[in-house]
Amino acid sequence: MALQQKKRVFKKDEIISKEGDLSFDWYVLVKGRVGVFKGEMKMSEFAERGVIFGELSGLLARPRTATMRALEDSEVMVVESSIDEVIRNHPDIANKILISLAERLAKTTDEMWAIIENKEQKK
């Protein structure tokens, strides 16, 4: 079974998905840059072709945890298939999602430890 997907172009500053929304689509960056925002603060950005983002809502079945906004004109594949369908029918994509999540967790952990170490050095 093929993934339910459609290609969309988002203009610079256009919102791709909004924090608090109850949408479970997830995205694959084709080209451009996408920022992840909590309120007005940019927490992260994606610029690598093929990066998967926005998958947490579908995995956790809860509202969006952040707003995603195009930082420049960006082309994105919007995937409307549920994560259960992806795991069942597309294990290669499910594996890519898991690796992506693990890489982001490792990056966040490294950043957190750097902040803690910096605070410890200032004491």
PDB file of N, CA and C in Angstrom:
ATOM      1  N   MET A   1       0.849  -1.187   0.000  1.00  0.00           N
ATOM      2  CA  MET A   1       0.000   0.000   0.000  1.00  0.00           C
ATOM      3  C   MET A   1       0.893   1.249   0.000  1.00  0.00           C
ATOM      4  N   ALA A   2       0.613   2.160  -0.874  1.00  0.00           N
ATOM      5  CA  ALA A   2       1.410   3.388  -0.987  1.00  0.00           C
ATOM      6  C   ALA A   2       1.063   4.361   0.139  1.00  0.00           C
ATOM      7  N   LEU A   3       2.049   5.146   0.510  1.00  0.00           N
ATOM      8  CA  LEU A   3       1.804   6.202   1.489  1.00  0.00           C
ATOM      9  C   LEU A   3       0.870   7.244   0.902  1.00  0.00           C
ATOM     10  N   GLN A   4      -0.009   7.769   1.726  1.00  0.00           N
ATOM     11  CA  GLN A   4      -0.866   8.868   1.295  1.00  0.00           C
ATOM     12  C   GLN A   4      -0.069  10.148   1.500  1.00  0.00           C
ATOM     13  N   GLN A   5       0.339  10.758   0.388  1.00  0.00           N
ATOM     14  CA  GLN A   5       1.190  11.937   0.482  1.00  0.00           C
ATOM     15  C   GLN A   5       0.880  12.918  -0.632  1.00  0.00           C
ATOM     16  N   LYS A   6       1.238  14.173  -0.364  1.00  0.00           N
ATOM     17  CA  LYS A   6       1.094  15.207  -1.388  1.00  0.00           C
ATOM     18  C   LYS A   6       2.220  16.214  -1.200  1.00  0.00           C
ATOM     19  N   LYS A   7       2.683  16.738  -2.321  1.00  0.00           N
ATOM     20  CA  LYS A   7       3.755  17.727  -2.284  1.00  0.00           C
ATOM     21  C   LYS A   7       3.135  19.107  -2.098  1.00  0.00           C
ATOM     22  N   ARG A   8       3.743  19.897  -1.181  1.00  0.00           N
ATOM     23  CA  ARG A   8       3.268  21.265  -0.959  1.00  0.00           C
ATOM     24  C   ARG A   8       4.450  22.210  -0.934  1.00  0.00           C
ATOM     25  N   VAL A   9       4.217  23.415  -1.410  1.00  0.00           N
ATOM     26  CA  VAL A   9       5.226  24.469  -1.332  1.00  0.00           C
ATOM     27  C   VAL A   9       4.740  25.475  -0.301  1.00  0.00           C
ATOM     28  N   PHE A  10       5.619  25.791   0.647  1.00  0.00           N
ATOM     29  CA  PHE A  10       5.325  26.793   1.662  1.00  0.00           C
ATOM     30  C   PHE A  10       6.233  27.990   1.418  1.00  0.00           C
ATOM     31  N   LYS A  11       5.648  29.166   1.351  1.00  0.00           N
ATOM     32  CA  LYS A  11       6.404  30.399   1.160  1.00  0.00           C
ATOM     33  C   LYS A  11       7.113  30.763   2.459  1.00  0.00           C
ATOM     34  N   LYS A  12       8.158  31.574   2.356  1.00  0.00           N
ATOM     35  CA  LYS A  12       8.897  32.032   3.532  1.00  0.00           C
ATOM     36  C   LYS A  12       7.910  32.591   4.566  1.00  0.00           C
ATOM     37  N   ASP A  13       8.081  32.180   5.821  1.00  0.00           N
ATOM     38  CA  ASP A  13       7.271  32.582   6.975  1.00  0.00           C
ATOM     39  C   ASP A  13       5.884  31.944   7.031  1.00  0.00           C
ATOM     40  N   GLU A  14       5.547  31.104   6.059  1.00  0.00           N
ATOM     41  CA  GLU A  14       4.245  30.429   6.102  1.00  0.00           C
ATOM     42  C   GLU A  14       4.290  29.298   7.138  1.00  0.00           C
ATOM     43  N   ILE A  15       3.217  29.176   7.897  1.00  0.00           N
ATOM     44  CA  ILE A  15       3.138  28.131   8.922  1.00  0.00           C
ATOM     45  C   ILE A  15       2.772  26.807   8.269  1.00  0.00           C
ATOM     46  N   ILE A  16       3.541  25.790   8.589  1.00  0.00           N
ATOM     47  CA  ILE A  16       3.296  24.438   8.096  1.00  0.00           C
ATOM     48  C   ILE A  16       2.330  23.727   9.040  1.00  0.00           C
ATOM     49  N   SER A  17       2.586  23.835  10.328  1.00  0.00           N
ATOM     50  CA  SER A  17       1.647  23.333  11.344  1.00  0.00           C
ATOM     51  C   SER A  17       1.846  24.170  12.597  1.00  0.00           C
ATOM     52  N   LYS A  18       0.770  24.286  13.380  1.00  0.00           N
ATOM     53  CA  LYS A  18       0.761  25.194  14.520  1.00  0.00           C
ATOM     54  C   LYS A  18       0.708  24.424  15.830  1.00  0.00           C
ATOM     55  N   GLU A  19       1.486  24.891  16.794  1.00  0.00           N
ATOM     56  CA  GLU A  19       1.485  24.303  18.128  1.00  0.00           C
ATOM     57  C   GLU A  19       0.045  24.215  18.647  1.00  0.00           C
ATOM     58  N   GLY A  20      -0.315  23.060  19.181  1.00  0.00           N
ATOM     59  CA  GLY A  20      -1.650  22.859  19.731  1.00  0.00           C
ATOM     60  C   GLY A  20      -2.644  22.252  18.759  1.00  0.00           C
ATOM     61  N   ASP A  21      -2.326  22.274  17.446  1.00  0.00           N
ATOM     62  CA  ASP A  21      -3.230  21.681  16.460  1.00  0.00           C
ATOM     63  C   ASP A  21      -3.353  20.172  16.684  1.00  0.00           C
ATOM     64  N   LEU A  22      -4.506  19.647  16.334  1.00  0.00           N
ATOM     65  CA  LEU A  22      -4.753  18.211  16.431  1.00  0.00           C
ATOM     66  C   LEU A  22      -4.662  17.550  15.069  1.00  0.00           C
ATOM     67  N   SER A  23      -3.588  17.798  14.345  1.00  0.00           N
ATOM     68  CA  SER A  23      -3.387  17.148  13.055  1.00  0.00           C
ATOM     69  C   SER A  23      -2.283  16.119  13.214  1.00  0.00           C
ATOM     70  N   PHE A  24      -2.404  15.018  12.513  1.00  0.00           N
ATOM     71  CA  PHE A  24      -1.443  13.937  12.672  1.00  0.00           C
ATOM     72  C   PHE A  24      -0.609  13.687  11.423  1.00  0.00           C
ATOM     73  N   ASP A  25      -0.681  14.605  10.446  1.00  0.00           N
ATOM     74  CA  ASP A  25       0.194  14.498   9.279  1.00  0.00           C
ATOM     75  C   ASP A  25       1.634  14.658   9.737  1.00  0.00           C
ATOM     76  N   TRP A  26       2.554  14.112   8.974  1.00  0.00           N
ATOM     77  CA  TRP A  26       3.964  14.349   9.218  1.00  0.00           C
ATOM     78  C   TRP A  26       4.595  14.713   7.887  1.00  0.00           C
ATOM     79  N   TYR A  27       5.851  15.132   7.922  1.00  0.00           N
ATOM     80  CA  TYR A  27       6.424  15.816   6.773  1.00  0.00           C
ATOM     81  C   TYR A  27       7.822  15.293   6.436  1.00  0.00           C
ATOM     82  N   VAL A  28       8.158  15.410   5.159  1.00  0.00           N
ATOM     83  CA  VAL A  28       9.507  15.119   4.680  1.00  0.00           C
ATOM     84  C   VAL A  28       9.960  16.345   3.904  1.00  0.00           C
ATOM     85  N   LEU A  29      11.097  16.903   4.297  1.00  0.00           N
ATOM     86  CA  LEU A  29      11.619  18.095   3.635  1.00  0.00           C
ATOM     87  C   LEU A  29      12.242  17.711   2.288  1.00  0.00           C
ATOM     88  N   VAL A  30      11.764  18.333   1.232  1.00  0.00           N
ATOM     89  CA  VAL A  30      12.302  18.109  -0.103  1.00  0.00           C
ATOM     90  C   VAL A  30      13.392  19.150  -0.383  1.00  0.00           C
ATOM     91  N   LYS A  31      13.069  20.430  -0.122  1.00  0.00           N
ATOM     92  CA  LYS A  31      14.084  21.482  -0.212  1.00  0.00           C
ATOM     93  C   LYS A  31      13.619  22.677   0.596  1.00  0.00           C
ATOM     94  N   GLY A  32      14.591  23.468   1.039  1.00  0.00           N
ATOM     95  CA  GLY A  32      14.292  24.649   1.835  1.00  0.00           C
ATOM     96  C   GLY A  32      14.763  24.502   3.267  1.00  0.00           C
ATOM     97  N   ARG A  33      14.190  25.333   4.147  1.00  0.00           N
ATOM     98  CA  ARG A  33      14.523  25.311   5.579  1.00  0.00           C
ATOM     99  C   ARG A  33      13.242  25.506   6.372  1.00  0.00           C
ATOM    100  N   VAL A  34      13.118  24.725   7.435  1.00  0.00           N
ATOM    101  CA  VAL A  34      11.941  24.788   8.288  1.00  0.00           C
ATOM    102  C   VAL A  34      12.387  25.021   9.720  1.00  0.00           C
ATOM    103  N   GLY A  35      11.767  25.994  10.384  1.00  0.00           N
ATOM    104  CA  GLY A  35      12.066  26.286  11.779  1.00  0.00           C
ATOM    105  C   GLY A  35      11.013  25.688  12.692  1.00  0.00           C
ATOM    106  N   VAL A  36      11.461  25.289  13.885  1.00  0.00           N
ATOM    107  CA  VAL A  36      10.576  24.750  14.915  1.00  0.00           C
ATOM    108  C   VAL A  36      10.523  25.777  16.030  1.00  0.00           C
ATOM    109  N   PHE A  37       9.322  26.257  16.352  1.00  0.00           N
ATOM    110  CA  PHE A  37       9.153  27.364  17.295  1.00  0.00           C
ATOM    111  C   PHE A  37       8.263  26.979  18.466  1.00  0.00           C
ATOM    112  N   LYS A  38       8.666  27.435  19.656  1.00  0.00           N
ATOM    113  CA  LYS A  38       7.809  27.418  20.843  1.00  0.00           C
ATOM    114  C   LYS A  38       7.523  28.881  21.111  1.00  0.00           C
ATOM    115  N   GLY A  39       6.266  29.280  20.934  1.00  0.00           N
ATOM    116  CA  GLY A  39       5.967  30.705  20.984  1.00  0.00           C
ATOM    117  C   GLY A  39       6.706  31.370  19.835  1.00  0.00           C
ATOM    118  N   GLU A  40       7.445  32.428  20.134  1.00  0.00           N
ATOM    119  CA  GLU A  40       8.230  33.109  19.097  1.00  0.00           C
ATOM    120  C   GLU A  40       9.697  32.673  19.087  1.00  0.00           C
ATOM    121  N   MET A  41      10.072  31.775  20.013  1.00  0.00           N
ATOM    122  CA  MET A  41      11.473  31.338  20.112  1.00  0.00           C
ATOM    123  C   MET A  41      11.742  30.155  19.187  1.00  0.00           C
ATOM    124  N   LYS A  42      12.754  30.320  18.316  1.00  0.00           N
ATOM    125  CA  LYS A  42      13.143  29.221  17.434  1.00  0.00           C
ATOM    126  C   LYS A  42      13.965  28.224  18.232  1.00  0.00           C
ATOM    127  N   MET A  43      13.477  26.996  18.278  1.00  0.00           N
ATOM    128  CA  MET A  43      14.136  25.942  19.040  1.00  0.00           C
ATOM    129  C   MET A  43      15.100  25.127  18.188  1.00  0.00           C
ATOM    130  N   SER A  44      14.780  25.021  16.907  1.00  0.00           N
ATOM    131  CA  SER A  44      15.562  24.166  16.025  1.00  0.00           C
ATOM    132  C   SER A  44      15.215  24.529  14.586  1.00  0.00           C
ATOM    133  N   GLU A  45      15.973  23.972  13.667  1.00  0.00           N
ATOM    134  CA  GLU A  45      15.614  24.107  12.255  1.00  0.00           C
ATOM    135  C   GLU A  45      16.107  22.895  11.498  1.00  0.00           C
ATOM    136  N   PHE A  46      15.437  22.634  10.379  1.00  0.00           N
ATOM    137  CA  PHE A  46      15.782  21.525   9.501  1.00  0.00           C
ATOM    138  C   PHE A  46      16.079  22.080   8.124  1.00  0.00           C
ATOM    139  N   ALA A  47      17.178  21.619   7.521  1.00  0.00           N
ATOM    140  CA  ALA A  47      17.526  22.063   6.177  1.00  0.00           C
ATOM    141  C   ALA A  47      18.006  20.895   5.312  1.00  0.00           C
ATOM    142  N   GLU A  48      18.081  19.714   5.878  1.00  0.00           N
ATOM    143  CA  GLU A  48      18.613  18.563   5.151  1.00  0.00           C
ATOM    144  C   GLU A  48      17.507  17.861   4.365  1.00  0.00           C
ATOM    145  N   ARG A  49      17.734  17.694   3.081  1.00  0.00           N
ATOM    146  CA  ARG A  49      16.763  16.994   2.228  1.00  0.00           C
ATOM    147  C   ARG A  49      16.479  15.605   2.813  1.00  0.00           C
ATOM    148  N   GLY A  50      15.190  15.273   2.888  1.00  0.00           N
ATOM    149  CA  GLY A  50      14.799  13.949   3.370  1.00  0.00           C
ATOM    150  C   GLY A  50      14.544  13.867   4.861  1.00  0.00           C
ATOM    151  N   VAL A  51      14.826  14.959   5.588  1.00  0.00           N
ATOM    152  CA  VAL A  51      14.585  14.916   7.030  1.00  0.00           C
ATOM    153  C   VAL A  51      13.083  14.805   7.291  1.00  0.00           C
ATOM    154  N   ILE A  52      12.729  13.970   8.253  1.00  0.00           N
ATOM    155  CA  ILE A  52      11.338  13.766   8.653  1.00  0.00           C
ATOM    156  C   ILE A  52      11.075  14.637   9.867  1.00  0.00           C
ATOM    157  N   PHE A  53       9.949  15.344   9.864  1.00  0.00           N
ATOM    158  CA  PHE A  53       9.602  16.167  11.025  1.00  0.00           C
ATOM    159  C   PHE A  53       8.092  16.188  11.205  1.00  0.00           C
ATOM    160  N   GLY A  54       7.660  16.574  12.392  1.00  0.00           N
ATOM    161  CA  GLY A  54       6.238  16.654  12.686  1.00  0.00           C
ATOM    162  C   GLY A  54       5.606  15.317  13.019  1.00  0.00           C
ATOM    163  N   GLU A  55       6.415  14.310  13.263  1.00  0.00           N
ATOM    164  CA  GLU A  55       5.897  12.968  13.486  1.00  0.00           C
ATOM    165  C   GLU A  55       5.437  12.716  14.925  1.00  0.00           C
ATOM    166  N   LEU A  56       5.847  13.575  15.865  1.00  0.00           N
ATOM    167  CA  LEU A  56       5.506  13.325  17.269  1.00  0.00           C
ATOM    168  C   LEU A  56       4.011  13.296  17.528  1.00  0.00           C
ATOM    169  N   SER A  57       3.254  14.160  16.884  1.00  0.00           N
ATOM    170  CA  SER A  57       1.803  14.183  17.100  1.00  0.00           C
ATOM    171  C   SER A  57       1.168  12.849  16.743  1.00  0.00           C
ATOM    172  N   GLY A  58       1.582  12.286  15.628  1.00  0.00           N
ATOM    173  CA  GLY A  58       1.044  10.991  15.225  1.00  0.00           C
ATOM    174  C   GLY A  58       1.499   9.862  16.124  1.00  0.00           C
ATOM    175  N   LEU A  59       2.764   9.908  16.529  1.00  0.00           N
ATOM    176  CA  LEU A  59       3.281   8.856  17.405  1.00  0.00           C
ATOM    177  C   LEU A  59       2.622   8.879  18.772  1.00  0.00           C
ATOM    178  N   LEU A  60       2.408  10.072  19.304  1.00  0.00           N
ATOM    179  CA  LEU A  60       1.889  10.213  20.664  1.00  0.00           C
ATOM    180  C   LEU A  60       0.381  10.462  20.714  1.00  0.00           C
ATOM    181  N   ALA A  61      -0.243  10.634  19.551  1.00  0.00           N
ATOM    182  CA  ALA A  61      -1.681  10.930  19.465  1.00  0.00           C
ATOM    183  C   ALA A  61      -2.054  12.088  20.387  1.00  0.00           C
ATOM    184  N   ARG A  62      -1.306  13.175  20.236  1.00  0.00           N
ATOM    185  CA  ARG A  62      -1.585  14.373  21.032  1.00  0.00           C
ATOM    186  C   ARG A  62      -1.336  15.614  20.182  1.00  0.00           C
ATOM    187  N   PRO A  63      -1.790  16.767  20.661  1.00  0.00           N
ATOM    188  CA  PRO A  63      -1.630  17.996  19.863  1.00  0.00           C
ATOM    189  C   PRO A  63      -0.166  18.307  19.547  1.00  0.00           C
ATOM    190  N   ARG A  64       0.029  19.101  18.512  1.00  0.00           N
ATOM    191  CA  ARG A  64       1.371  19.529  18.113  1.00  0.00           C
ATOM    192  C   ARG A  64       2.094  20.181  19.287  1.00  0.00           C
ATOM    193  N   THR A  65       3.358  19.845  19.447  1.00  0.00           N
ATOM    194  CA  THR A  65       4.150  20.384  20.558  1.00  0.00           C
ATOM    195  C   THR A  65       4.878  21.670  20.187  1.00  0.00           C
ATOM    196  N   ALA A  66       4.882  22.016  18.896  1.00  0.00           N
ATOM    197  CA  ALA A  66       5.577  23.222  18.443  1.00  0.00           C
ATOM    198  C   ALA A  66       4.971  23.664  17.112  1.00  0.00           C
ATOM    199  N   THR A  67       5.277  24.896  16.740  1.00  0.00           N
ATOM    200  CA  THR A  67       4.879  25.420  15.434  1.00  0.00           C
ATOM    201  C   THR A  67       6.038  25.225  14.469  1.00  0.00           C
ATOM    202  N   MET A  68       5.726  24.778  13.263  1.00  0.00           N
ATOM    203  CA  MET A  68       6.740  24.629  12.223  1.00  0.00           C
ATOM    204  C   MET A  68       6.447  25.653  11.140  1.00  0.00           C
ATOM    205  N   ARG A  69       7.484  26.427  10.799  1.00  0.00           N
ATOM    206  CA  ARG A  69       7.313  27.528   9.849  1.00  0.00           C
ATOM    207  C   ARG A  69       8.452  27.500   8.833  1.00  0.00           C
ATOM    208  N   ALA A  70       8.112  27.774   7.579  1.00  0.00           N
ATOM    209  CA  ALA A  70       9.127  27.839   6.529  1.00  0.00           C
ATOM    210  C   ALA A  70      10.020  29.058   6.775  1.00  0.00           C
ATOM    211  N   LEU A  71      11.323  28.838   6.818  1.00  0.00           N
ATOM    212  CA  LEU A  71      12.281  29.929   6.992  1.00  0.00           C
ATOM    213  C   LEU A  71      12.693  30.527   5.652  1.00  0.00           C
ATOM    214  N   GLU A  72      12.390  29.804   4.597  1.00  0.00           N
ATOM    215  CA  GLU A  72      12.567  30.265   3.215  1.00  0.00           C
ATOM    216  C   GLU A  72      11.553  29.465   2.406  1.00  0.00           C
ATOM    217  N   ASP A  73      11.362  29.822   1.162  1.00  0.00           N
ATOM    218  CA  ASP A  73      10.445  29.025   0.343  1.00  0.00           C
ATOM    219  C   ASP A  73      10.893  27.572   0.423  1.00  0.00           C
ATOM    220  N   SER A  74       9.954  26.684   0.768  1.00  0.00           N
ATOM    221  CA  SER A  74      10.305  25.289   1.029  1.00  0.00           C
ATOM    222  C   SER A  74       9.295  24.346   0.394  1.00  0.00           C
ATOM    223  N   GLU A  75       9.808  23.227  -0.081  1.00  0.00           N
ATOM    224  CA  GLU A  75       8.971  22.175  -0.653  1.00  0.00           C
ATOM    225  C   GLU A  75       8.968  21.003   0.318  1.00  0.00           C
ATOM    226  N   VAL A  76       7.765  20.523   0.630  1.00  0.00           N
ATOM    227  CA  VAL A  76       7.592  19.510   1.663  1.00  0.00           C
ATOM    228  C   VAL A  76       6.616  18.447   1.168  1.00  0.00           C
ATOM    229  N   MET A  77       6.910  17.189   1.457  1.00  0.00           N
ATOM    230  CA  MET A  77       5.931  16.125   1.239  1.00  0.00           C
ATOM    231  C   MET A  77       5.110  16.024   2.517  1.00  0.00           C
ATOM    232  N   VAL A  78       3.806  16.177   2.399  1.00  0.00           N
ATOM    233  CA  VAL A  78       2.898  16.034   3.531  1.00  0.00           C
ATOM    234  C   VAL A  78       2.390  14.594   3.495  1.00  0.00           C
ATOM    235  N   VAL A  79       2.703  13.832   4.538  1.00  0.00           N
ATOM    236  CA  VAL A  79       2.327  12.421   4.594  1.00  0.00           C
ATOM    237  C   VAL A  79       1.114  12.285   5.509  1.00  0.00           C
ATOM    238  N   GLU A  80       0.056  11.730   4.958  1.00  0.00           N
ATOM    239  CA  GLU A  80      -1.204  11.615   5.689  1.00  0.00           C
ATOM    240  C   GLU A  80      -1.443  10.211   6.219  1.00  0.00           C
ATOM    241  N   SER A  81      -0.488   9.319   6.035  1.00  0.00           N
ATOM    242  CA  SER A  81      -0.629   7.947   6.520  1.00  0.00           C
ATOM    243  C   SER A  81      -0.354   7.905   8.020  1.00  0.00           C
ATOM    244  N   SER A  82      -1.092   7.060   8.725  1.00  0.00           N
ATOM    245  CA  SER A  82      -0.871   6.921  10.167  1.00  0.00           C
ATOM    246  C   SER A  82       0.445   6.203  10.426  1.00  0.00           C
ATOM    247  N   ILE A  83       0.991   6.433  11.605  1.00  0.00           N
ATOM    248  CA  ILE A  83       2.256   5.778  11.960  1.00  0.00           C
ATOM    249  C   ILE A  83       2.071   4.265  12.008  1.00  0.00           C
ATOM    250  N   ASP A  84       0.894   3.787  12.413  1.00  0.00           N
ATOM    251  CA  ASP A  84       0.633   2.343  12.429  1.00  0.00           C
ATOM    252  C   ASP A  84       0.717   1.761  11.022  1.00  0.00           C
ATOM    253  N   GLU A  85       0.164   2.490  10.057  1.00  0.00           N
ATOM    254  CA  GLU A  85       0.230   2.048   8.665  1.00  0.00           C
ATOM    255  C   GLU A  85       1.676   2.018   8.174  1.00  0.00           C
ATOM    256  N   VAL A  86       2.451   3.027   8.563  1.00  0.00           N
ATOM    257  CA  VAL A  86       3.862   3.081   8.152  1.00  0.00           C
ATOM    258  C   VAL A  86       4.622   1.894   8.732  1.00  0.00           C
ATOM    259  N   ILE A  87       4.416   1.606   9.991  1.00  0.00           N
ATOM    260  CA  ILE A  87       5.120   0.480  10.630  1.00  0.00           C
ATOM    261  C   ILE A  87       4.745  -0.834   9.948  1.00  0.00           C
ATOM    262  N   ARG A  88       3.450  -1.013   9.676  1.00  0.00           N
ATOM    263  CA  ARG A  88       2.967  -2.246   9.059  1.00  0.00           C
ATOM    264  C   ARG A  88       3.446  -2.419   7.621  1.00  0.00           C
ATOM    265  N   ASN A  89       3.337  -1.344   6.838  1.00  0.00           N
ATOM    266  CA  ASN A  89       3.545  -1.479   5.394  1.00  0.00           C
ATOM    267  C   ASN A  89       4.855  -0.907   4.869  1.00  0.00           C
ATOM    268  N   HIS A  90       5.542  -0.116   5.678  1.00  0.00           N
ATOM    269  CA  HIS A  90       6.764   0.550   5.216  1.00  0.00           C
ATOM    270  C   HIS A  90       7.826   0.534   6.328  1.00  0.00           C
ATOM    271  N   PRO A  91       8.315  -0.636   6.715  1.00  0.00           N
ATOM    272  CA  PRO A  91       9.269  -0.705   7.829  1.00  0.00           C
ATOM    273  C   PRO A  91      10.549   0.100   7.585  1.00  0.00           C
ATOM    274  N   ASP A  92      10.949   0.281   6.330  1.00  0.00           N
ATOM    275  CA  ASP A  92      12.137   1.080   6.034  1.00  0.00           C
ATOM    276  C   ASP A  92      11.925   2.541   6.435  1.00  0.00           C
ATOM    277  N   ILE A  93      10.725   3.056   6.199  1.00  0.00           N
ATOM    278  CA  ILE A  93      10.421   4.432   6.593  1.00  0.00           C
ATOM    279  C   ILE A  93      10.286   4.523   8.108  1.00  0.00           C
ATOM    280  N   ALA A  94       9.661   3.521   8.728  1.00  0.00           N
ATOM    281  CA  ALA A  94       9.543   3.494  10.187  1.00  0.00           C
ATOM    282  C   ALA A  94      10.930   3.518  10.827  1.00  0.00           C
ATOM    283  N   ASN A  95      11.864   2.777  10.250  1.00  0.00           N
ATOM    284  CA  ASN A  95      13.236   2.768  10.752  1.00  0.00           C
ATOM    285  C   ASN A  95      13.874   4.146  10.635  1.00  0.00           C
ATOM    286  N   LYS A  96      13.639   4.839   9.529  1.00  0.00           N
ATOM    287  CA  LYS A  96      14.182   6.195   9.335  1.00  0.00           C
ATOM    288  C   LYS A  96      13.611   7.148  10.390  1.00  0.00           C
ATOM    289  N   ILE A  97      12.321   7.007  10.703  1.00  0.00           N
ATOM    290  CA  ILE A  97      11.705   7.842  11.738  1.00  0.00           C
ATOM    291  C   ILE A  97      12.371   7.581  13.088  1.00  0.00           C
ATOM    292  N   LEU A  98      12.579   6.319  13.430  1.00  0.00           N
ATOM    293  CA  LEU A  98      13.222   5.985  14.706  1.00  0.00           C
ATOM    294  C   LEU A  98      14.641   6.550  14.792  1.00  0.00           C
ATOM    295  N   ILE A  99      15.392   6.430  13.720  1.00  0.00           N
ATOM    296  CA  ILE A  99      16.757   6.968  13.703  1.00  0.00           C
ATOM    297  C   ILE A  99      16.721   8.487  13.846  1.00  0.00           C
ATOM    298  N   SER A 100      15.807   9.138  13.150  1.00  0.00           N
ATOM    299  CA  SER A 100      15.674  10.589  13.246  1.00  0.00           C
ATOM    300  C   SER A 100      15.365  11.017  14.680  1.00  0.00           C
ATOM    301  N   LEU A 101      14.433  10.332  15.323  1.00  0.00           N
ATOM    302  CA  LEU A 101      14.086  10.656  16.709  1.00  0.00           C
ATOM    303  C   LEU A 101      15.276  10.436  17.639  1.00  0.00           C
ATOM    304  N   ALA A 102      15.999   9.339  17.446  1.00  0.00           N
ATOM    305  CA  ALA A 102      17.159   9.051  18.285  1.00  0.00           C
ATOM    306  C   ALA A 102      18.245  10.110  18.106  1.00  0.00           C
ATOM    307  N   GLU A 103      18.478  10.551  16.868  1.00  0.00           N
ATOM    308  CA  GLU A 103      19.481  11.592  16.614  1.00  0.00           C
ATOM    309  C   GLU A 103      19.096  12.904  17.285  1.00  0.00           C
ATOM    310  N   ARG A 104      17.807  13.261  17.215  1.00  0.00           N
ATOM    311  CA  ARG A 104      17.362  14.498  17.858  1.00  0.00           C
ATOM    312  C   ARG A 104      17.450  14.402  19.374  1.00  0.00           C
ATOM    313  N   LEU A 105      17.144  13.229  19.928  1.00  0.00           N
ATOM    314  CA  LEU A 105      17.271  13.043  21.376  1.00  0.00           C
ATOM    315  C   LEU A 105      18.729  13.152  21.803  1.00  0.00           C
ATOM    316  N   ALA A 106      19.635  12.555  21.047  1.00  0.00           N
ATOM    317  CA  ALA A 106      21.065  12.651  21.361  1.00  0.00           C
ATOM    318  C   ALA A 106      21.538  14.102  21.300  1.00  0.00           C
ATOM    319  N   LYS A 107      21.101  14.844  20.293  1.00  0.00           N
ATOM    320  CA  LYS A 107      21.479  16.257  20.165  1.00  0.00           C
ATOM    321  C   LYS A 107      20.950  17.063  21.348  1.00  0.00           C
ATOM    322  N   THR A 108      19.696  16.837  21.708  1.00  0.00           N
ATOM    323  CA  THR A 108      19.100  17.548  22.843  1.00  0.00           C
ATOM    324  C   THR A 108      19.829  17.217  24.135  1.00  0.00           C
ATOM    325  N   THR A 109      20.172  15.957  24.328  1.00  0.00           N
ATOM    326  CA  THR A 109      20.909  15.540  25.522  1.00  0.00           C
ATOM    327  C   THR A 109      22.267  16.226  25.580  1.00  0.00           C
ATOM    328  N   ASP A 110      22.981  16.254  24.459  1.00  0.00           N
ATOM    329  CA  ASP A 110      24.288  16.930  24.412  1.00  0.00           C
ATOM    330  C   ASP A 110      24.150  18.412  24.748  1.00  0.00           C
ATOM    331  N   GLU A 111      23.128  19.061  24.187  1.00  0.00           N
ATOM    332  CA  GLU A 111      22.915  20.487  24.451  1.00  0.00           C
ATOM    333  C   GLU A 111      22.587  20.725  25.920  1.00  0.00           C
ATOM    334  N   MET A 112      21.774  19.850  26.503  1.00  0.00           N
ATOM    335  CA  MET A 112      21.407  19.988  27.907  1.00  0.00           C
ATOM    336  C   MET A 112      22.632  19.836  28.807  1.00  0.00           C
ATOM    337  N   TRP A 113      23.477  18.840  28.522  1.00  0.00           N
ATOM    338  CA  TRP A 113      24.682  18.635  29.326  1.00  0.00           C
ATOM    339  C   TRP A 113      25.637  19.814  29.193  1.00  0.00           C
ATOM    340  N   ALA A 114      25.730  20.400  28.007  1.00  0.00           N
ATOM    341  CA  ALA A 114      26.595  21.571  27.820  1.00  0.00           C
ATOM    342  C   ALA A 114      26.109  22.729  28.688  1.00  0.00           C
ATOM    343  N   ILE A 115      24.808  22.921  28.792  1.00  0.00           N
ATOM    344  CA  ILE A 115      24.250  23.978  29.645  1.00  0.00           C
ATOM    345  C   ILE A 115      24.551  23.689  31.109  1.00  0.00           C
ATOM    346  N   ILE A 116      24.351  22.443  31.514  1.00  0.00           N
ATOM    347  CA  ILE A 116      24.614  22.067  32.911  1.00  0.00           C
ATOM    348  C   ILE A 116      26.086  22.255  33.248  1.00  0.00           C
ATOM    349  N   GLU A 117      26.973  21.797  32.361  1.00  0.00           N
ATOM    350  CA  GLU A 117      28.412  21.947  32.602  1.00  0.00           C
ATOM    351  C   GLU A 117      28.812  23.410  32.664  1.00  0.00           C
ATOM    352  N   ASN A 118      28.221  24.236  31.814  1.00  0.00           N
ATOM    353  CA  ASN A 118      28.509  25.665  31.821  1.00  0.00           C
ATOM    354  C   ASN A 118      28.099  26.290  33.143  1.00  0.00           C
ATOM    355  N   LYS A 119      26.939  25.929  33.650  1.00  0.00           N
ATOM    356  CA  LYS A 119      26.464  26.442  34.936  1.00  0.00           C
ATOM    357  C   LYS A 119      27.383  25.987  36.069  1.00  0.00           C
ATOM    358  N   GLU A 120      27.837  24.741  36.011  1.00  0.00           N
ATOM    359  CA  GLU A 120      28.733  24.212  37.040  1.00  0.00           C
ATOM    360  C   GLU A 120      30.067  24.957  37.043  1.00  0.00           C
ATOM    361  N   GLN A 121      30.584  25.303  35.865  1.00  0.00           N
ATOM    362  CA  GLN A 121      31.849  26.014  35.773  1.00  0.00           C
ATOM    363  C   GLN A 121      31.753  27.434  36.308  1.00  0.00           C
ATOM    364  N   LYS A 122      30.568  28.035  36.273  1.00  0.00           N
ATOM    365  CA  LYS A 122      30.387  29.401  36.722  1.00  0.00           C
ATOM    366  C   LYS A 122      30.224  29.496  38.241  1.00  0.00           C
ATOM    367  N   LYS A 123      30.036  28.365  38.913  1.00  0.00           N
ATOM    368  CA  LYS A 123      29.860  28.380  40.371  1.00  0.00           C
ATOM    369  C   LYS A 123      31.150  28.717  41.084  1.00  0.00           C
TER     370      LYS A 123
END
